[in-house]
């Protein structure tokens, strides 16, 4: 069953956040990620959410978790720390 990363991100410093966006694609490619939504227009119907929303499809929950835990993704994640506020959840669907 497919699994999805659902991320909500508020970028605080776009220049420094670019270190993340330069490295993260390597991890996503390695784990066969498919972007379904990435930073496009959105309408929040309830609650307070950041400006950026991302939905990424993986083959299954284990692959989604492996991508997040991978050295490639953790290196990219380190580049965004302190430069954004993010929440990421993996959901089977």
N, C-alpha and C. Protein backbone atom coordinates (compact mmCIF):
# COMPACT_ATOMS: atom_id res chain seq x y z
N UNK A 1 0.85 -1.17 0.00
CA UNK A 1 0.00 0.00 0.00
C UNK A 1 0.89 1.24 0.00
N UNK A 2 0.56 2.20 -0.83
CA UNK A 2 1.34 3.44 -0.91
C UNK A 2 1.31 4.17 0.42
N UNK A 3 2.34 4.97 0.63
CA UNK A 3 2.41 5.82 1.82
C UNK A 3 2.85 7.21 1.37
N UNK A 4 2.46 8.20 2.14
CA UNK A 4 2.66 9.59 1.74
C UNK A 4 3.31 10.39 2.86
N UNK A 5 4.34 11.15 2.49
CA UNK A 5 4.83 12.18 3.41
C UNK A 5 3.89 13.36 3.22
N UNK A 6 3.38 13.90 4.30
CA UNK A 6 2.62 15.14 4.27
C UNK A 6 3.40 16.12 5.14
N UNK A 7 3.87 17.17 4.52
CA UNK A 7 4.70 18.15 5.23
C UNK A 7 4.08 19.53 5.14
N UNK A 8 4.20 20.24 6.23
CA UNK A 8 3.78 21.65 6.29
C UNK A 8 5.00 22.42 6.74
N UNK A 9 5.39 23.42 5.96
CA UNK A 9 6.66 24.11 6.19
C UNK A 9 6.47 25.62 6.13
N UNK A 10 7.04 26.30 7.10
CA UNK A 10 7.13 27.76 7.08
C UNK A 10 8.60 28.10 6.92
N UNK A 11 8.99 28.59 5.76
CA UNK A 11 10.38 28.94 5.51
C UNK A 11 10.67 30.28 6.18
N UNK A 12 11.72 30.30 6.99
CA UNK A 12 12.11 31.51 7.71
C UNK A 12 13.21 32.28 6.99
N UNK A 13 14.09 31.56 6.31
CA UNK A 13 15.20 32.17 5.57
C UNK A 13 15.38 31.41 4.26
N UNK A 14 14.85 31.95 3.18
CA UNK A 14 14.84 31.25 1.90
C UNK A 14 16.25 30.96 1.39
N UNK A 15 17.18 31.89 1.59
CA UNK A 15 18.54 31.67 1.11
C UNK A 15 19.18 30.47 1.80
N UNK A 16 19.04 30.38 3.11
CA UNK A 16 19.65 29.28 3.85
C UNK A 16 18.87 27.98 3.67
N UNK A 17 17.57 28.07 3.46
CA UNK A 17 16.74 26.89 3.21
C UNK A 17 17.13 26.23 1.88
N UNK A 18 17.70 27.00 0.98
CA UNK A 18 18.09 26.46 -0.32
C UNK A 18 19.15 25.36 -0.20
N UNK A 19 19.88 25.32 0.91
CA UNK A 19 20.81 24.21 1.14
C UNK A 19 20.08 22.89 1.22
N UNK A 20 18.89 22.91 1.81
CA UNK A 20 18.04 21.72 1.89
C UNK A 20 17.54 21.33 0.50
N UNK A 21 17.01 22.30 -0.22
CA UNK A 21 16.42 21.99 -1.53
C UNK A 21 17.47 21.54 -2.54
N UNK A 22 18.73 21.87 -2.30
CA UNK A 22 19.79 21.41 -3.19
C UNK A 22 20.14 19.94 -2.94
N UNK A 23 20.02 19.48 -1.69
CA UNK A 23 20.44 18.11 -1.33
C UNK A 23 19.30 17.09 -1.30
N UNK A 24 18.12 17.49 -0.90
CA UNK A 24 17.02 16.55 -0.69
C UNK A 24 16.63 15.74 -1.93
N UNK A 25 16.69 16.29 -3.13
CA UNK A 25 16.28 15.49 -4.29
C UNK A 25 17.04 14.18 -4.46
N UNK A 26 18.27 14.10 -4.02
CA UNK A 26 19.04 12.85 -4.13
C UNK A 26 18.37 11.74 -3.32
N UNK A 27 17.92 12.06 -2.12
CA UNK A 27 17.24 11.06 -1.28
C UNK A 27 15.91 10.66 -1.91
N UNK A 28 15.16 11.64 -2.39
CA UNK A 28 13.86 11.34 -2.98
C UNK A 28 14.01 10.45 -4.22
N UNK A 29 15.01 10.72 -5.04
CA UNK A 29 15.24 9.90 -6.23
C UNK A 29 15.63 8.48 -5.84
N UNK A 30 16.49 8.35 -4.85
CA UNK A 30 16.95 7.03 -4.41
C UNK A 30 15.79 6.14 -3.95
N UNK A 31 14.77 6.73 -3.35
CA UNK A 31 13.66 5.96 -2.78
C UNK A 31 12.39 6.02 -3.64
N UNK A 32 12.52 6.48 -4.88
CA UNK A 32 11.40 6.45 -5.82
C UNK A 32 10.24 7.36 -5.46
N UNK A 33 10.52 8.47 -4.81
CA UNK A 33 9.47 9.40 -4.39
C UNK A 33 8.81 10.07 -5.59
N UNK A 34 7.52 10.30 -5.46
CA UNK A 34 6.76 11.00 -6.48
C UNK A 34 6.05 12.18 -5.81
N UNK A 35 6.38 13.39 -6.25
CA UNK A 35 5.76 14.58 -5.68
C UNK A 35 4.36 14.75 -6.25
N UNK A 36 3.37 14.81 -5.36
CA UNK A 36 1.98 15.03 -5.77
C UNK A 36 1.58 16.48 -5.58
N UNK A 37 2.16 17.13 -4.60
CA UNK A 37 1.93 18.57 -4.36
C UNK A 37 3.20 19.13 -3.73
N UNK A 38 3.61 20.30 -4.20
CA UNK A 38 4.83 20.89 -3.65
C UNK A 38 4.75 22.41 -3.77
N UNK A 39 4.33 23.04 -2.69
CA UNK A 39 4.38 24.49 -2.60
C UNK A 39 3.46 25.25 -3.52
N UNK A 40 2.46 24.61 -4.10
CA UNK A 40 1.53 25.31 -4.98
C UNK A 40 0.51 26.12 -4.19
N UNK A 41 -0.40 26.71 -4.90
CA UNK A 41 -1.45 27.49 -4.25
C UNK A 41 -2.25 26.59 -3.32
N UNK A 42 -2.68 27.14 -2.20
CA UNK A 42 -3.47 26.36 -1.25
C UNK A 42 -4.46 27.27 -0.54
N UNK A 43 -5.47 26.64 0.00
CA UNK A 43 -6.49 27.34 0.78
C UNK A 43 -6.64 26.56 2.08
N UNK A 44 -6.38 27.20 3.20
CA UNK A 44 -6.55 26.56 4.51
C UNK A 44 -8.00 26.76 4.92
N UNK A 45 -8.69 25.66 5.15
CA UNK A 45 -10.11 25.73 5.52
C UNK A 45 -10.32 25.75 7.02
N UNK A 46 -9.40 25.15 7.77
CA UNK A 46 -9.50 25.15 9.23
C UNK A 46 -8.10 25.18 9.83
N UNK A 47 -7.97 25.91 10.91
CA UNK A 47 -6.71 25.93 11.65
C UNK A 47 -5.68 26.88 11.05
N UNK A 48 -4.55 26.94 11.72
CA UNK A 48 -3.43 27.77 11.28
C UNK A 48 -2.33 26.86 10.76
N UNK A 49 -1.99 27.02 9.51
CA UNK A 49 -0.94 26.20 8.91
C UNK A 49 0.06 27.10 8.21
N UNK A 50 1.31 26.64 8.08
CA UNK A 50 2.32 27.40 7.35
C UNK A 50 1.95 27.58 5.88
N UNK A 51 2.78 28.32 5.17
CA UNK A 51 2.52 28.66 3.77
C UNK A 51 2.77 27.52 2.79
N UNK A 52 3.68 26.62 3.12
CA UNK A 52 4.12 25.61 2.15
C UNK A 52 3.62 24.22 2.57
N UNK A 53 3.03 23.52 1.61
CA UNK A 53 2.50 22.17 1.85
C UNK A 53 3.07 21.24 0.79
N UNK A 54 3.48 20.06 1.23
CA UNK A 54 4.10 19.09 0.32
C UNK A 54 3.50 17.72 0.56
N UNK A 55 3.17 17.01 -0.51
CA UNK A 55 2.70 15.63 -0.43
C UNK A 55 3.57 14.81 -1.38
N UNK A 56 4.23 13.77 -0.80
CA UNK A 56 5.14 12.94 -1.57
C UNK A 56 4.71 11.48 -1.43
N UNK A 57 4.57 10.81 -2.55
CA UNK A 57 4.14 9.41 -2.55
C UNK A 57 5.35 8.47 -2.60
N UNK A 58 5.28 7.41 -1.80
CA UNK A 58 6.27 6.34 -1.80
C UNK A 58 5.55 5.02 -2.02
N UNK A 59 6.30 3.99 -2.39
CA UNK A 59 5.70 2.68 -2.66
C UNK A 59 4.99 2.11 -1.45
N UNK A 60 5.54 2.34 -0.26
CA UNK A 60 4.95 1.79 0.96
C UNK A 60 5.52 2.53 2.18
N UNK A 61 4.97 2.20 3.34
CA UNK A 61 5.37 2.86 4.58
C UNK A 61 6.85 2.66 4.88
N UNK A 62 7.33 1.45 4.65
CA UNK A 62 8.74 1.15 4.95
C UNK A 62 9.69 1.97 4.08
N UNK A 63 9.35 2.15 2.82
CA UNK A 63 10.19 2.95 1.92
C UNK A 63 10.16 4.42 2.33
N UNK A 64 9.00 4.91 2.71
CA UNK A 64 8.88 6.30 3.16
C UNK A 64 9.72 6.54 4.41
N UNK A 65 9.68 5.59 5.34
CA UNK A 65 10.47 5.71 6.56
C UNK A 65 11.96 5.60 6.25
N UNK A 66 12.32 4.69 5.36
CA UNK A 66 13.73 4.53 5.00
C UNK A 66 14.29 5.79 4.36
N UNK A 67 13.50 6.45 3.55
CA UNK A 67 13.94 7.70 2.93
C UNK A 67 14.23 8.73 4.01
N UNK A 68 13.30 8.89 4.94
CA UNK A 68 13.48 9.89 6.00
C UNK A 68 14.73 9.59 6.84
N UNK A 69 14.97 8.33 7.13
CA UNK A 69 16.10 7.94 7.98
C UNK A 69 17.42 7.86 7.23
N UNK A 70 17.38 7.95 5.92
CA UNK A 70 18.59 7.77 5.11
C UNK A 70 19.63 8.85 5.38
N UNK A 71 20.91 8.51 5.22
CA UNK A 71 21.97 9.51 5.37
C UNK A 71 21.78 10.69 4.41
N UNK A 72 21.29 10.40 3.20
CA UNK A 72 21.10 11.47 2.21
C UNK A 72 20.06 12.48 2.70
N UNK A 73 18.94 11.97 3.21
CA UNK A 73 17.90 12.90 3.67
C UNK A 73 18.32 13.60 4.95
N UNK A 74 18.94 12.90 5.86
CA UNK A 74 19.36 13.52 7.11
C UNK A 74 20.39 14.63 6.88
N UNK A 75 21.25 14.46 5.88
CA UNK A 75 22.20 15.52 5.52
C UNK A 75 21.44 16.74 5.01
N UNK A 76 20.45 16.52 4.16
CA UNK A 76 19.63 17.62 3.65
C UNK A 76 18.86 18.29 4.78
N UNK A 77 18.25 17.48 5.64
CA UNK A 77 17.46 18.00 6.76
C UNK A 77 18.31 18.90 7.65
N UNK A 78 19.54 18.54 7.87
CA UNK A 78 20.44 19.36 8.71
C UNK A 78 20.62 20.75 8.11
N UNK A 79 20.54 20.87 6.80
CA UNK A 79 20.70 22.17 6.13
C UNK A 79 19.50 23.08 6.33
N UNK A 80 18.33 22.51 6.64
CA UNK A 80 17.14 23.35 6.82
C UNK A 80 16.89 23.70 8.28
N UNK A 81 17.53 22.99 9.20
CA UNK A 81 17.30 23.23 10.62
C UNK A 81 17.64 24.66 11.00
N UNK A 82 16.69 25.29 11.67
CA UNK A 82 16.85 26.68 12.07
C UNK A 82 16.41 27.68 11.01
N UNK A 83 16.12 27.18 9.80
CA UNK A 83 15.75 28.06 8.70
C UNK A 83 14.31 27.86 8.26
N UNK A 84 13.61 26.97 8.98
CA UNK A 84 12.19 26.74 8.71
C UNK A 84 11.56 26.10 9.94
N UNK A 85 10.25 26.11 9.95
CA UNK A 85 9.47 25.36 10.94
C UNK A 85 8.72 24.31 10.12
N UNK A 86 8.94 23.05 10.46
CA UNK A 86 8.35 21.99 9.65
C UNK A 86 7.69 20.93 10.51
N UNK A 87 6.62 20.36 9.98
CA UNK A 87 6.05 19.14 10.55
C UNK A 87 5.88 18.18 9.39
N UNK A 88 6.25 16.93 9.64
CA UNK A 88 6.20 15.90 8.60
C UNK A 88 5.55 14.65 9.21
N UNK A 89 4.60 14.10 8.50
CA UNK A 89 3.95 12.86 8.94
C UNK A 89 3.90 11.91 7.74
N UNK A 90 3.97 10.61 8.02
CA UNK A 90 3.81 9.62 6.98
C UNK A 90 2.45 8.96 7.20
N UNK A 91 1.67 8.88 6.11
CA UNK A 91 0.32 8.32 6.18
C UNK A 91 0.18 7.26 5.10
N UNK A 92 -0.33 6.09 5.48
CA UNK A 92 -0.65 5.09 4.47
C UNK A 92 -1.97 5.47 3.79
N UNK A 93 -2.08 5.13 2.52
CA UNK A 93 -3.30 5.47 1.83
C UNK A 93 -3.59 4.57 0.67
